[in-house]
Amino acid sequence: MLSRAAAALGVVALSAGIAHATQIFDPSTRAWVSYDPKRAIDYYRAHGGVPADFRRQVVKFRTAEKPGTIIIDGNRHFLYLVLPNFQAIRYGIGVGRDGFGWAGIVRVGRKAEWPTWTPPAEMVARDPNSAKYANGMPGGPDNPLGARAFYLYEGNRDTIYRIHGTTEPWSIGLDISSGCIRMNNDDVIDLFNRVEVGAKVIVLMQGAALYKGV
C-alpha cells in the first residue's frame, strides 16, 4: 500500500552518498553548497552536466532484494537497480517537491518508449496551462516524460506515478516533481533496457534514513 509512513524494508546500502539531500560538493569552490533550482541550472551550464554523485555508476549495495529490483531513495535522490553480488547501478533522480513525496512497494505495470503525456485532473486544476494537453501530448523531445517511462502499479491499479525521462536534465538532484521520479534521458533509456515489466519497485519515504551510506 502506498504510504507516507516508512516501513522497515531491510535495505542496507554500502555506497558513498552526498552529505545531505539539499547539498552538493562544488569542485570550483571545494565546498558543500545548497542545491536549489537556480544553482542546479548554473551548475549544469558551467560543468556540462549534473554533479558527479548523480551520474550513473555501479556501487556496492547490500540488500535482501533480488537482482532486477528497483529501490528509490528520494531523500538522497538516488535510484538503485539491484545487481548480483551485492552491487547496484545507481542513478541520480529528481523527486516530488514538498507535499508530493510518497512511499510504498509497487511494480512496473508497463513500459513505453517516447510516451504520451496526459496530465492528471489534479495537475490541470493546479496549472490551467496544462489543460491543452488534457487529451494527451504525443511523445517527442519536448514531451515532459522524456524518452522512456515506467508506469508504476499497485496490484492492477495504475498509481499515476511514473519513472520517466525529462526535458530538464538540470533538475536531477532536486525535489521538484509532482511525485514522479525523473531521470536523465540517457539514464532512463539505460534502465529501460535492463528492467522487465513486473519488476518490484520500492520507494522509500523522503526524509527517512532507512540505510547507512559508508
Foldseek 3Di string as FASTA:
>chain_A
DKFLDFDQQQWAFAADAAPWLQWDQDVVVRDIDGHDPVVLVVCCVVPVAGPPRQAKDKGFTDGPDDAQAWEAAQGRQWIWGDDPPRMTIIHFKAFAAPPQWIWDKWFQQDKDFLQWDADDPVVCVVPVVSVVQNVTDGGDLPHQQAGMKTFTGHVNHGPPEIEGEGNCRSNGSYNDDNGHIYGHNVVVVVSVVRHDGGHMYGYGNHPDDSYDYD
